[in-house]
Amino acid sequence: MKLTTELSRFKVKQGKEVAVEQWMGFLEKQMDNVLLTLEDEKMFVETIFSETLDGNTYLYWYSVQGEGGAELENSSHEVDQKHMEYWNDCIDSTYSPVDLEAKLVMIQKKVRSVMN
């Protein structure tokens, strides 16, 4: 199975740092529902990191995903719809996301064997 491993950086709109904390809290509280949506997306790992540089807040998404999963934008799950509301409210669409280049992906064979 082909796996896609990504790490991307997105800029948070100025003044939306509190909303980002609420967003992350929402996802954490809804984790059971989030995990169901990840199943539909064939998303095996998704991690969100935060960093502040020169007074700007950035969120980084790291993911390992199988092929053929459902698209988040087409999801009927309430948790995904709320997630997209937060995204639209908090992520600066004028900033071009930065996709970091994966140089090496290390996943143990026993872990990879259950990713299908």
PDB file of N, CA and C in Angstrom:
ATOM      1  N   MET A   1       0.833  -1.177   0.000  1.00  0.00           N
ATOM      2  CA  MET A   1       0.000   0.000   0.000  1.00  0.00           C
ATOM      3  C   MET A   1       0.878   1.241   0.000  1.00  0.00           C
ATOM      4  N   LYS A   2       0.472   2.193  -0.797  1.00  0.00           N
ATOM      5  CA  LYS A   2       1.176   3.471  -0.843  1.00  0.00           C
ATOM      6  C   LYS A   2       0.748   4.326   0.340  1.00  0.00           C
ATOM      7  N   LEU A   3       1.722   4.885   1.038  1.00  0.00           N
ATOM      8  CA  LEU A   3       1.467   5.798   2.143  1.00  0.00           C
ATOM      9  C   LEU A   3       1.977   7.180   1.777  1.00  0.00           C
ATOM     10  N   THR A   4       1.235   8.198   2.171  1.00  0.00           N
ATOM     11  CA  THR A   4       1.659   9.579   1.989  1.00  0.00           C
ATOM     12  C   THR A   4       2.001  10.143   3.356  1.00  0.00           C
ATOM     13  N   THR A   5       3.208  10.655   3.485  1.00  0.00           N
ATOM     14  CA  THR A   5       3.653  11.271   4.735  1.00  0.00           C
ATOM     15  C   THR A   5       3.863  12.748   4.468  1.00  0.00           C
ATOM     16  N   GLU A   6       3.200  13.595   5.266  1.00  0.00           N
ATOM     17  CA  GLU A   6       3.269  15.035   5.034  1.00  0.00           C
ATOM     18  C   GLU A   6       3.517  15.795   6.327  1.00  0.00           C
ATOM     19  N   LEU A   7       4.170  16.930   6.174  1.00  0.00           N
ATOM     20  CA  LEU A   7       4.320  17.907   7.252  1.00  0.00           C
ATOM     21  C   LEU A   7       4.152  19.275   6.608  1.00  0.00           C
ATOM     22  N   SER A   8       3.109  19.985   7.023  1.00  0.00           N
ATOM     23  CA  SER A   8       2.794  21.282   6.422  1.00  0.00           C
ATOM     24  C   SER A   8       2.603  22.330   7.503  1.00  0.00           C
ATOM     25  N   ARG A   9       3.000  23.573   7.161  1.00  0.00           N
ATOM     26  CA  ARG A   9       2.879  24.697   8.088  1.00  0.00           C
ATOM     27  C   ARG A   9       1.820  25.664   7.581  1.00  0.00           C
ATOM     28  N   PHE A  10       0.950  26.100   8.500  1.00  0.00           N
ATOM     29  CA  PHE A  10      -0.107  27.056   8.203  1.00  0.00           C
ATOM     30  C   PHE A  10      -0.020  28.192   9.208  1.00  0.00           C
ATOM     31  N   LYS A  11      -0.270  29.394   8.747  1.00  0.00           N
ATOM     32  CA  LYS A  11      -0.208  30.569   9.617  1.00  0.00           C
ATOM     33  C   LYS A  11      -1.582  30.837  10.230  1.00  0.00           C
ATOM     34  N   VAL A  12      -1.569  31.134  11.521  1.00  0.00           N
ATOM     35  CA  VAL A  12      -2.787  31.486  12.241  1.00  0.00           C
ATOM     36  C   VAL A  12      -3.019  32.988  12.082  1.00  0.00           C
ATOM     37  N   LYS A  13      -4.270  33.361  11.850  1.00  0.00           N
ATOM     38  CA  LYS A  13      -4.621  34.777  11.749  1.00  0.00           C
ATOM     39  C   LYS A  13      -4.282  35.474  13.062  1.00  0.00           C
ATOM     40  N   GLN A  14      -3.800  36.730  12.967  1.00  0.00           N
ATOM     41  CA  GLN A  14      -3.508  37.517  14.163  1.00  0.00           C
ATOM     42  C   GLN A  14      -4.776  37.616  15.013  1.00  0.00           C
ATOM     43  N   GLY A  15      -4.614  37.441  16.322  1.00  0.00           N
ATOM     44  CA  GLY A  15      -5.723  37.557  17.251  1.00  0.00           C
ATOM     45  C   GLY A  15      -6.565  36.303  17.392  1.00  0.00           C
ATOM     46  N   LYS A  16      -6.216  35.228  16.699  1.00  0.00           N
ATOM     47  CA  LYS A  16      -7.003  33.991  16.747  1.00  0.00           C
ATOM     48  C   LYS A  16      -6.358  32.903  17.617  1.00  0.00           C
ATOM     49  N   GLU A  17      -5.352  33.279  18.404  1.00  0.00           N
ATOM     50  CA  GLU A  17      -4.647  32.291  19.225  1.00  0.00           C
ATOM     51  C   GLU A  17      -5.570  31.624  20.244  1.00  0.00           C
ATOM     52  N   VAL A  18      -6.475  32.389  20.848  1.00  0.00           N
ATOM     53  CA  VAL A  18      -7.416  31.814  21.823  1.00  0.00           C
ATOM     54  C   VAL A  18      -8.377  30.861  21.116  1.00  0.00           C
ATOM     55  N   ALA A  19      -8.832  31.244  19.933  1.00  0.00           N
ATOM     56  CA  ALA A  19      -9.720  30.370  19.165  1.00  0.00           C
ATOM     57  C   ALA A  19      -9.010  29.069  18.788  1.00  0.00           C
ATOM     58  N   VAL A  20      -7.703  29.152  18.499  1.00  0.00           N
ATOM     59  CA  VAL A  20      -6.932  27.933  18.190  1.00  0.00           C
ATOM     60  C   VAL A  20      -6.912  27.011  19.407  1.00  0.00           C
ATOM     61  N   GLU A  21      -6.719  27.576  20.588  1.00  0.00           N
ATOM     62  CA  GLU A  21      -6.738  26.751  21.811  1.00  0.00           C
ATOM     63  C   GLU A  21      -8.102  26.098  22.001  1.00  0.00           C
ATOM     64  N   GLN A  22      -9.171  26.831  21.711  1.00  0.00           N
ATOM     65  CA  GLN A  22     -10.518  26.267  21.799  1.00  0.00           C
ATOM     66  C   GLN A  22     -10.694  25.148  20.777  1.00  0.00           C
ATOM     67  N   TRP A  23     -10.162  25.358  19.586  1.00  0.00           N
ATOM     68  CA  TRP A  23     -10.213  24.366  18.504  1.00  0.00           C
ATOM     69  C   TRP A  23      -9.528  23.074  18.932  1.00  0.00           C
ATOM     70  N   MET A  24      -8.318  23.196  19.446  1.00  0.00           N
ATOM     71  CA  MET A  24      -7.582  22.007  19.863  1.00  0.00           C
ATOM     72  C   MET A  24      -8.299  21.315  21.028  1.00  0.00           C
ATOM     73  N   GLY A  25      -8.854  22.103  21.941  1.00  0.00           N
ATOM     74  CA  GLY A  25      -9.627  21.544  23.042  1.00  0.00           C
ATOM     75  C   GLY A  25     -10.859  20.809  22.545  1.00  0.00           C
ATOM     76  N   PHE A  26     -11.534  21.375  21.560  1.00  0.00           N
ATOM     77  CA  PHE A  26     -12.696  20.727  20.949  1.00  0.00           C
ATOM     78  C   PHE A  26     -12.304  19.374  20.367  1.00  0.00           C
ATOM     79  N   LEU A  27     -11.224  19.347  19.579  1.00  0.00           N
ATOM     80  CA  LEU A  27     -10.785  18.085  18.968  1.00  0.00           C
ATOM     81  C   LEU A  27     -10.412  17.056  20.031  1.00  0.00           C
ATOM     82  N   GLU A  28      -9.750  17.511  21.083  1.00  0.00           N
ATOM     83  CA  GLU A  28      -9.365  16.586  22.159  1.00  0.00           C
ATOM     84  C   GLU A  28     -10.595  16.012  22.854  1.00  0.00           C
ATOM     85  N   LYS A  29     -11.579  16.853  23.133  1.00  0.00           N
ATOM     86  CA  LYS A  29     -12.807  16.385  23.800  1.00  0.00           C
ATOM     87  C   LYS A  29     -13.620  15.457  22.905  1.00  0.00           C
ATOM     88  N   GLN A  30     -13.498  15.639  21.605  1.00  0.00           N
ATOM     89  CA  GLN A  30     -14.251  14.838  20.638  1.00  0.00           C
ATOM     90  C   GLN A  30     -13.414  13.699  20.049  1.00  0.00           C
ATOM     91  N   MET A  31     -12.360  13.299  20.746  1.00  0.00           N
ATOM     92  CA  MET A  31     -11.397  12.362  20.175  1.00  0.00           C
ATOM     93  C   MET A  31     -12.035  11.081  19.646  1.00  0.00           C
ATOM     94  N   ASP A  32     -13.018  10.518  20.338  1.00  0.00           N
ATOM     95  CA  ASP A  32     -13.652   9.296  19.829  1.00  0.00           C
ATOM     96  C   ASP A  32     -14.250   9.531  18.444  1.00  0.00           C
ATOM     97  N   ASN A  33     -14.917  10.670  18.263  1.00  0.00           N
ATOM     98  CA  ASN A  33     -15.496  11.007  16.960  1.00  0.00           C
ATOM     99  C   ASN A  33     -14.419  11.351  15.943  1.00  0.00           C
ATOM    100  N   VAL A  34     -13.378  12.030  16.383  1.00  0.00           N
ATOM    101  CA  VAL A  34     -12.259  12.358  15.490  1.00  0.00           C
ATOM    102  C   VAL A  34     -11.644  11.072  14.938  1.00  0.00           C
ATOM    103  N   LEU A  35     -11.437  10.103  15.799  1.00  0.00           N
ATOM    104  CA  LEU A  35     -10.818   8.845  15.360  1.00  0.00           C
ATOM    105  C   LEU A  35     -11.680   8.119  14.337  1.00  0.00           C
ATOM    106  N   LEU A  36     -13.007   8.250  14.453  1.00  0.00           N
ATOM    107  CA  LEU A  36     -13.902   7.654  13.450  1.00  0.00           C
ATOM    108  C   LEU A  36     -13.703   8.313  12.087  1.00  0.00           C
ATOM    109  N   THR A  37     -13.546   9.622  12.083  1.00  0.00           N
ATOM    110  CA  THR A  37     -13.348  10.318  10.807  1.00  0.00           C
ATOM    111  C   THR A  37     -11.986   9.977  10.211  1.00  0.00           C
ATOM    112  N   LEU A  38     -10.988   9.803  11.069  1.00  0.00           N
ATOM    113  CA  LEU A  38      -9.671   9.421  10.573  1.00  0.00           C
ATOM    114  C   LEU A  38      -9.728   8.067   9.885  1.00  0.00           C
ATOM    115  N   GLU A  39     -10.555   7.188  10.418  1.00  0.00           N
ATOM    116  CA  GLU A  39     -10.736   5.873   9.796  1.00  0.00           C
ATOM    117  C   GLU A  39     -11.248   6.036   8.367  1.00  0.00           C
ATOM    118  N   ASP A  40     -12.269   6.884   8.187  1.00  0.00           N
ATOM    119  CA  ASP A  40     -12.827   7.132   6.850  1.00  0.00           C
ATOM    120  C   ASP A  40     -11.778   7.708   5.907  1.00  0.00           C
ATOM    121  N   GLU A  41     -10.889   8.539   6.432  1.00  0.00           N
ATOM    122  CA  GLU A  41      -9.866   9.211   5.623  1.00  0.00           C
ATOM    123  C   GLU A  41      -8.642   8.334   5.372  1.00  0.00           C
ATOM    124  N   LYS A  42      -8.619   7.146   5.977  1.00  0.00           N
ATOM    125  CA  LYS A  42      -7.436   6.278   5.949  1.00  0.00           C
ATOM    126  C   LYS A  42      -6.218   7.028   6.481  1.00  0.00           C
ATOM    127  N   MET A  43      -6.481   7.849   7.502  1.00  0.00           N
ATOM    128  CA  MET A  43      -5.441   8.646   8.147  1.00  0.00           C
ATOM    129  C   MET A  43      -4.938   7.828   9.339  1.00  0.00           C
ATOM    130  N   PHE A  44      -3.724   7.323   9.221  1.00  0.00           N
ATOM    131  CA  PHE A  44      -3.176   6.466  10.263  1.00  0.00           C
ATOM    132  C   PHE A  44      -2.577   7.272  11.408  1.00  0.00           C
ATOM    133  N   VAL A  45      -1.973   8.395  11.075  1.00  0.00           N
ATOM    134  CA  VAL A  45      -1.371   9.273  12.091  1.00  0.00           C
ATOM    135  C   VAL A  45      -1.666  10.702  11.675  1.00  0.00           C
ATOM    136  N   GLU A  46      -2.141  11.504  12.617  1.00  0.00           N
ATOM    137  CA  GLU A  46      -2.282  12.935  12.380  1.00  0.00           C
ATOM    138  C   GLU A  46      -1.927  13.642  13.677  1.00  0.00           C
ATOM    139  N   THR A  47      -0.980  14.532  13.589  1.00  0.00           N
ATOM    140  CA  THR A  47      -0.498  15.259  14.760  1.00  0.00           C
ATOM    141  C   THR A  47      -0.442  16.734  14.405  1.00  0.00           C
ATOM    142  N   ILE A  48      -0.874  17.584  15.338  1.00  0.00           N
ATOM    143  CA  ILE A  48      -0.846  19.028  15.126  1.00  0.00           C
ATOM    144  C   ILE A  48       0.147  19.630  16.111  1.00  0.00           C
ATOM    145  N   PHE A  49       1.094  20.385  15.574  1.00  0.00           N
ATOM    146  CA  PHE A  49       2.093  21.082  16.378  1.00  0.00           C
ATOM    147  C   PHE A  49       1.833  22.576  16.277  1.00  0.00           C
ATOM    148  N   SER A  50       2.312  23.325  17.268  1.00  0.00           N
ATOM    149  CA  SER A  50       2.182  24.773  17.275  1.00  0.00           C
ATOM    150  C   SER A  50       3.542  25.405  17.529  1.00  0.00           C
ATOM    151  N   GLU A  51       3.764  26.558  16.895  1.00  0.00           N
ATOM    152  CA  GLU A  51       5.011  27.291  17.078  1.00  0.00           C
ATOM    153  C   GLU A  51       4.723  28.776  16.926  1.00  0.00           C
ATOM    154  N   THR A  52       5.410  29.596  17.719  1.00  0.00           N
ATOM    155  CA  THR A  52       5.320  31.037  17.571  1.00  0.00           C
ATOM    156  C   THR A  52       6.692  31.562  17.164  1.00  0.00           C
ATOM    157  N   LEU A  53       6.727  32.272  16.034  1.00  0.00           N
ATOM    158  CA  LEU A  53       7.956  32.856  15.503  1.00  0.00           C
ATOM    159  C   LEU A  53       7.693  34.322  15.197  1.00  0.00           C
ATOM    160  N   ASP A  54       8.531  35.198  15.726  1.00  0.00           N
ATOM    161  CA  ASP A  54       8.423  36.631  15.445  1.00  0.00           C
ATOM    162  C   ASP A  54       7.007  37.156  15.656  1.00  0.00           C
ATOM    163  N   GLY A  55       6.348  36.670  16.689  1.00  0.00           N
ATOM    164  CA  GLY A  55       5.008  37.143  17.027  1.00  0.00           C
ATOM    165  C   GLY A  55       3.887  36.516  16.226  1.00  0.00           C
ATOM    166  N   ASN A  56       4.209  35.599  15.324  1.00  0.00           N
ATOM    167  CA  ASN A  56       3.194  34.899  14.527  1.00  0.00           C
ATOM    168  C   ASN A  56       3.080  33.460  14.997  1.00  0.00           C
ATOM    169  N   THR A  57       1.848  32.976  15.053  1.00  0.00           N
ATOM    170  CA  THR A  57       1.604  31.592  15.443  1.00  0.00           C
ATOM    171  C   THR A  57       1.393  30.751  14.190  1.00  0.00           C
ATOM    172  N   TYR A  58       2.002  29.581  14.181  1.00  0.00           N
ATOM    173  CA  TYR A  58       1.879  28.645  13.076  1.00  0.00           C
ATOM    174  C   TYR A  58       1.427  27.297  13.619  1.00  0.00           C
ATOM    175  N   LEU A  59       0.616  26.610  12.839  1.00  0.00           N
ATOM    176  CA  LEU A  59       0.248  25.237  13.139  1.00  0.00           C
ATOM    177  C   LEU A  59       0.863  24.349  12.079  1.00  0.00           C
ATOM    178  N   TYR A  60       1.399  23.228  12.517  1.00  0.00           N
ATOM    179  CA  TYR A  60       2.010  22.248  11.636  1.00  0.00           C
ATOM    180  C   TYR A  60       1.173  20.971  11.702  1.00  0.00           C
ATOM    181  N   TRP A  61       0.825  20.444  10.556  1.00  0.00           N
ATOM    182  CA  TRP A  61       0.110  19.174  10.484  1.00  0.00           C
ATOM    183  C   TRP A  61       1.081  18.114   9.983  1.00  0.00           C
ATOM    184  N   TYR A  62       1.231  17.048  10.759  1.00  0.00           N
ATOM    185  CA  TYR A  62       2.014  15.889  10.352  1.00  0.00           C
ATOM    186  C   TYR A  62       1.036  14.744  10.163  1.00  0.00           C
ATOM    187  N   SER A  63       1.148  14.049   9.044  1.00  0.00           N
ATOM    188  CA  SER A  63       0.214  12.947   8.811  1.00  0.00           C
ATOM    189  C   SER A  63       0.860  11.808   8.037  1.00  0.00           C
ATOM    190  N   VAL A  64       0.319  10.631   8.288  1.00  0.00           N
ATOM    191  CA  VAL A  64       0.630   9.439   7.514  1.00  0.00           C
ATOM    192  C   VAL A  64      -0.713   8.880   7.084  1.00  0.00           C
ATOM    193  N   GLN A  65      -0.927   8.836   5.763  1.00  0.00           N
ATOM    194  CA  GLN A  65      -2.242   8.491   5.246  1.00  0.00           C
ATOM    195  C   GLN A  65      -2.128   7.462   4.136  1.00  0.00           C
ATOM    196  N   GLY A  66      -3.072   6.536   4.124  1.00  0.00           N
ATOM    197  CA  GLY A  66      -3.173   5.574   3.039  1.00  0.00           C
ATOM    198  C   GLY A  66      -3.916   6.187   1.866  1.00  0.00           C
ATOM    199  N   GLU A  67      -3.937   5.463   0.774  1.00  0.00           N
ATOM    200  CA  GLU A  67      -4.592   5.997  -0.415  1.00  0.00           C
ATOM    201  C   GLU A  67      -6.075   5.620  -0.438  1.00  0.00           C
ATOM    202  N   GLY A  68      -6.851   6.480  -1.097  1.00  0.00           N
ATOM    203  CA  GLY A  68      -8.264   6.181  -1.294  1.00  0.00           C
ATOM    204  C   GLY A  68      -9.182   6.576  -0.155  1.00  0.00           C
ATOM    205  N   GLY A  69      -8.698   7.372   0.776  1.00  0.00           N
ATOM    206  CA  GLY A  69      -9.534   7.783   1.894  1.00  0.00           C
ATOM    207  C   GLY A  69     -10.499   8.897   1.513  1.00  0.00           C
ATOM    208  N   ALA A  70     -11.503   9.079   2.348  1.00  0.00           N
ATOM    209  CA  ALA A  70     -12.489  10.137   2.139  1.00  0.00           C
ATOM    210  C   ALA A  70     -11.828  11.502   2.335  1.00  0.00           C
ATOM    211  N   GLU A  71     -12.309  12.498   1.612  1.00  0.00           N
ATOM    212  CA  GLU A  71     -11.818  13.869   1.731  1.00  0.00           C
ATOM    213  C   GLU A  71     -12.531  14.562   2.885  1.00  0.00           C
ATOM    214  N   LEU A  72     -11.789  15.269   3.707  1.00  0.00           N
ATOM    215  CA  LEU A  72     -12.351  15.994   4.843  1.00  0.00           C
ATOM    216  C   LEU A  72     -13.467  16.932   4.397  1.00  0.00           C
ATOM    217  N   GLU A  73     -13.263  17.633   3.296  1.00  0.00           N
ATOM    218  CA  GLU A  73     -14.229  18.611   2.811  1.00  0.00           C
ATOM    219  C   GLU A  73     -15.575  17.990   2.456  1.00  0.00           C
ATOM    220  N   ASN A  74     -15.608  16.685   2.175  1.00  0.00           N
ATOM    221  CA  ASN A  74     -16.840  15.998   1.798  1.00  0.00           C
ATOM    222  C   ASN A  74     -17.474  15.242   2.965  1.00  0.00           C
ATOM    223  N   SER A  75     -16.912  15.376   4.137  1.00  0.00           N
ATOM    224  CA  SER A  75     -17.371  14.607   5.293  1.00  0.00           C
ATOM    225  C   SER A  75     -18.721  15.101   5.795  1.00  0.00           C
ATOM    226  N   SER A  76     -19.551  14.158   6.217  1.00  0.00           N
ATOM    227  CA  SER A  76     -20.836  14.503   6.828  1.00  0.00           C
ATOM    228  C   SER A  76     -20.756  14.440   8.350  1.00  0.00           C
ATOM    229  N   HIS A  77     -19.590  14.094   8.896  1.00  0.00           N
ATOM    230  CA  HIS A  77     -19.413  14.032  10.343  1.00  0.00           C
ATOM    231  C   HIS A  77     -19.476  15.445  10.941  1.00  0.00           C
ATOM    232  N   GLU A  78     -20.247  15.595  11.992  1.00  0.00           N
ATOM    233  CA  GLU A  78     -20.364  16.900  12.657  1.00  0.00           C
ATOM    234  C   GLU A  78     -19.010  17.411  13.136  1.00  0.00           C
ATOM    235  N   VAL A  79     -18.185  16.519  13.653  1.00  0.00           N
ATOM    236  CA  VAL A  79     -16.879  16.936  14.166  1.00  0.00           C
ATOM    237  C   VAL A  79     -16.019  17.516  13.042  1.00  0.00           C
ATOM    238  N   ASP A  80     -16.119  16.969  11.840  1.00  0.00           N
ATOM    239  CA  ASP A  80     -15.361  17.497  10.701  1.00  0.00           C
ATOM    240  C   ASP A  80     -15.901  18.856  10.267  1.00  0.00           C
ATOM    241  N   GLN A  81     -17.204  19.009  10.309  1.00  0.00           N
ATOM    242  CA  GLN A  81     -17.802  20.292   9.938  1.00  0.00           C
ATOM    243  C   GLN A  81     -17.367  21.387  10.907  1.00  0.00           C
ATOM    244  N   LYS A  82     -17.349  21.077  12.202  1.00  0.00           N
ATOM    245  CA  LYS A  82     -16.893  22.047  13.199  1.00  0.00           C
ATOM    246  C   LYS A  82     -15.392  22.315  13.032  1.00  0.00           C
ATOM    247  N   HIS A  83     -14.634  21.275  12.757  1.00  0.00           N
ATOM    248  CA  HIS A  83     -13.195  21.400  12.502  1.00  0.00           C
ATOM    249  C   HIS A  83     -12.954  22.380  11.349  1.00  0.00           C
ATOM    250  N   MET A  84     -13.734  22.265  10.266  1.00  0.00           N
ATOM    251  CA  MET A  84     -13.583  23.157   9.114  1.00  0.00           C
ATOM    252  C   MET A  84     -14.011  24.582   9.466  1.00  0.00           C
ATOM    253  N   GLU A  85     -15.003  24.743  10.339  1.00  0.00           N
ATOM    254  CA  GLU A  85     -15.393  26.089  10.792  1.00  0.00           C
ATOM    255  C   GLU A  85     -14.228  26.756  11.513  1.00  0.00           C
ATOM    256  N   TYR A  86     -13.596  26.007  12.427  1.00  0.00           N
ATOM    257  CA  TYR A  86     -12.428  26.547  13.129  1.00  0.00           C
ATOM    258  C   TYR A  86     -11.322  26.877  12.128  1.00  0.00           C
ATOM    259  N   TRP A  87     -11.084  25.970  11.185  1.00  0.00           N
ATOM    260  CA  TRP A  87     -10.045  26.189  10.171  1.00  0.00           C
ATOM    261  C   TRP A  87     -10.282  27.517   9.456  1.00  0.00           C
ATOM    262  N   ASN A  88     -11.487  27.696   8.957  1.00  0.00           N
ATOM    263  CA  ASN A  88     -11.809  28.916   8.206  1.00  0.00           C
ATOM    264  C   ASN A  88     -11.707  30.159   9.073  1.00  0.00           C
ATOM    265  N   ASP A  89     -11.998  30.031  10.354  1.00  0.00           N
ATOM    266  CA  ASP A  89     -11.930  31.166  11.272  1.00  0.00           C
ATOM    267  C   ASP A  89     -10.482  31.500  11.662  1.00  0.00           C
ATOM    268  N   CYS A  90      -9.636  30.494  11.774  1.00  0.00           N
ATOM    269  CA  CYS A  90      -8.315  30.680  12.382  1.00  0.00           C
ATOM    270  C   CYS A  90      -7.137  30.688  11.422  1.00  0.00           C
ATOM    271  N   ILE A  91      -7.222  29.996  10.299  1.00  0.00           N
ATOM    272  CA  ILE A  91      -6.070  29.855   9.403  1.00  0.00           C
ATOM    273  C   ILE A  91      -6.058  30.996   8.391  1.00  0.00           C
ATOM    274  N   ASP A  92      -4.907  31.637   8.254  1.00  0.00           N
ATOM    275  CA  ASP A  92      -4.718  32.771   7.357  1.00  0.00           C
ATOM    276  C   ASP A  92      -4.601  32.274   5.913  1.00  0.00           C
ATOM    277  N   SER A  93      -5.652  32.491   5.129  1.00  0.00           N
ATOM    278  CA  SER A  93      -5.668  31.999   3.749  1.00  0.00           C
ATOM    279  C   SER A  93      -4.781  32.826   2.817  1.00  0.00           C
ATOM    280  N   THR A  94      -4.284  33.979   3.291  1.00  0.00           N
ATOM    281  CA  THR A  94      -3.390  34.788   2.457  1.00  0.00           C
ATOM    282  C   THR A  94      -1.942  34.298   2.536  1.00  0.00           C
ATOM    283  N   TYR A  95      -1.666  33.407   3.479  1.00  0.00           N
ATOM    284  CA  TYR A  95      -0.329  32.837   3.662  1.00  0.00           C
ATOM    285  C   TYR A  95      -0.280  31.498   2.934  1.00  0.00           C
ATOM    286  N   SER A  96       0.641  31.352   2.030  1.00  0.00           N
ATOM    287  CA  SER A  96       0.776  30.079   1.319  1.00  0.00           C
ATOM    288  C   SER A  96       1.333  29.030   2.269  1.00  0.00           C
ATOM    289  N   PRO A  97       0.626  27.918   2.429  1.00  0.00           N
ATOM    290  CA  PRO A  97       1.137  26.872   3.310  1.00  0.00           C
ATOM    291  C   PRO A  97       2.507  26.394   2.850  1.00  0.00           C
ATOM    292  N   VAL A  98       3.308  25.961   3.793  1.00  0.00           N
ATOM    293  CA  VAL A  98       4.642  25.466   3.491  1.00  0.00           C
ATOM    294  C   VAL A  98       4.632  23.952   3.707  1.00  0.00           C
ATOM    295  N   ASP A  99       4.919  23.209   2.650  1.00  0.00           N
ATOM    296  CA  ASP A  99       5.013  21.754   2.743  1.00  0.00           C
ATOM    297  C   ASP A  99       6.483  21.391   2.854  1.00  0.00           C
ATOM    298  N   LEU A 100       6.841  20.813   3.993  1.00  0.00           N
ATOM    299  CA  LEU A 100       8.220  20.402   4.193  1.00  0.00           C
ATOM    300  C   LEU A 100       8.463  19.097   3.445  1.00  0.00           C
ATOM    301  N   GLU A 101       9.680  18.931   2.995  1.00  0.00           N
ATOM    302  CA  GLU A 101      10.033  17.749   2.209  1.00  0.00           C
ATOM    303  C   GLU A 101      10.468  16.608   3.121  1.00  0.00           C
ATOM    304  N   ALA A 102       9.809  15.472   2.961  1.00  0.00           N
ATOM    305  CA  ALA A 102      10.199  14.275   3.713  1.00  0.00           C
ATOM    306  C   ALA A 102      11.462  13.694   3.072  1.00  0.00           C
ATOM    307  N   LYS A 103      12.502  13.558   3.855  1.00  0.00           N
ATOM    308  CA  LYS A 103      13.750  12.975   3.365  1.00  0.00           C
ATOM    309  C   LYS A 103      13.800  11.471   3.613  1.00  0.00           C
ATOM    310  N   LEU A 104      13.150  11.048   4.678  1.00  0.00           N
ATOM    311  CA  LEU A 104      13.197   9.638   5.044  1.00  0.00           C
ATOM    312  C   LEU A 104      11.996   9.327   5.925  1.00  0.00           C
ATOM    313  N   VAL A 105      11.272   8.272   5.604  1.00  0.00           N
ATOM    314  CA  VAL A 105      10.128   7.837   6.410  1.00  0.00           C
ATOM    315  C   VAL A 105      10.483   6.480   7.002  1.00  0.00           C
ATOM    316  N   MET A 106      10.423   6.401   8.309  1.00  0.00           N
ATOM    317  CA  MET A 106      10.776   5.162   9.006  1.00  0.00           C
ATOM    318  C   MET A 106       9.548   4.639   9.744  1.00  0.00           C
ATOM    319  N   ILE A 107       8.984   3.552   9.246  1.00  0.00           N
ATOM    320  CA  ILE A 107       7.847   2.903   9.872  1.00  0.00           C
ATOM    321  C   ILE A 107       8.179   1.420   9.956  1.00  0.00           C
ATOM    322  N   GLN A 108       8.117   0.890  11.134  1.00  0.00           N
ATOM    323  CA  GLN A 108       8.433  -0.522  11.313  1.00  0.00           C
ATOM    324  C   GLN A 108       7.511  -1.393  10.461  1.00  0.00           C
ATOM    325  N   LYS A 109       8.039  -2.503   9.960  1.00  0.00           N
ATOM    326  CA  LYS A 109       7.264  -3.413   9.117  1.00  0.00           C
ATOM    327  C   LYS A 109       6.008  -3.891   9.829  1.00  0.00           C
ATOM    328  N   LYS A 110       6.105  -4.177  11.133  1.00  0.00           N
ATOM    329  CA  LYS A 110       4.930  -4.679  11.850  1.00  0.00           C
ATOM    330  C   LYS A 110       3.844  -3.619  11.955  1.00  0.00           C
ATOM    331  N   VAL A 111       4.228  -2.355  11.995  1.00  0.00           N
ATOM    332  CA  VAL A 111       3.243  -1.267  12.013  1.00  0.00           C
ATOM    333  C   VAL A 111       2.681  -1.084  10.607  1.00  0.00           C
ATOM    334  N   ARG A 112       3.542  -1.032   9.621  1.00  0.00           N
ATOM    335  CA  ARG A 112       3.107  -0.855   8.228  1.00  0.00           C
ATOM    336  C   ARG A 112       2.164  -1.976   7.796  1.00  0.00           C
ATOM    337  N   SER A 113       2.372  -3.183   8.307  1.00  0.00           N
ATOM    338  CA  SER A 113       1.561  -4.328   7.892  1.00  0.00           C
ATOM    339  C   SER A 113       0.102  -4.197   8.321  1.00  0.00           C
ATOM    340  N   VAL A 114      -0.179  -3.392   9.332  1.00  0.00           N
ATOM    341  CA  VAL A 114      -1.577  -3.220   9.758  1.00  0.00           C
ATOM    342  C   VAL A 114      -2.200  -1.944   9.188  1.00  0.00           C
ATOM    343  N   MET A 115      -1.447  -1.223   8.394  1.00  0.00           N
ATOM    344  CA  MET A 115      -1.971  -0.017   7.738  1.00  0.00           C
ATOM    345  C   MET A 115      -2.547  -0.423   6.390  1.00  0.00           C
ATOM    346  N   ASN A 116      -3.821  -0.650   6.348  1.00  0.00           N
ATOM    347  CA  ASN A 116      -4.471  -1.019   5.084  1.00  0.00           C
ATOM    348  C   ASN A 116      -5.898  -0.561   5.063  1.00  0.00           C
TER     349      ASN A 116
END
